[in-house]
């Protein structure tokens, strides 16, 4: 478990990626949602092929799947994964969480462990 938690990583997107996704944080929301969905699909495929979701760091995800460059947080473990696009990339925190065989996509209105402004999209 400790090794899996150690593999969780955060890395903000490059300026070129941000510019391609939109001129403002609010304008990048649709691109962020698309990147999260693509990253989740890639990780599901990776999991079927490798029998683990533990792909490594954000850089490893981007290196393998360049269309996920806007995703800035990855916590991919053997049996589950968590992806996010955080401010200032977007105005709000966008998450994609795979847990116990089901997926949920939510928007958080504030950073932190709790998500008081939980909305499904």
Foldseek 3Di string as FASTA:
>chain_A
DVVLQVQKFFDAFDPVVLVVQDDAQASNPVLLVVLQVVLVVVLVVVCVVPQFSCQGYPVSSCVVPVSNRQWGIWRTTNPWIKTWRPPPSHQWIWIWTQDPNDIFTWTANDDDPDRVPTDGD
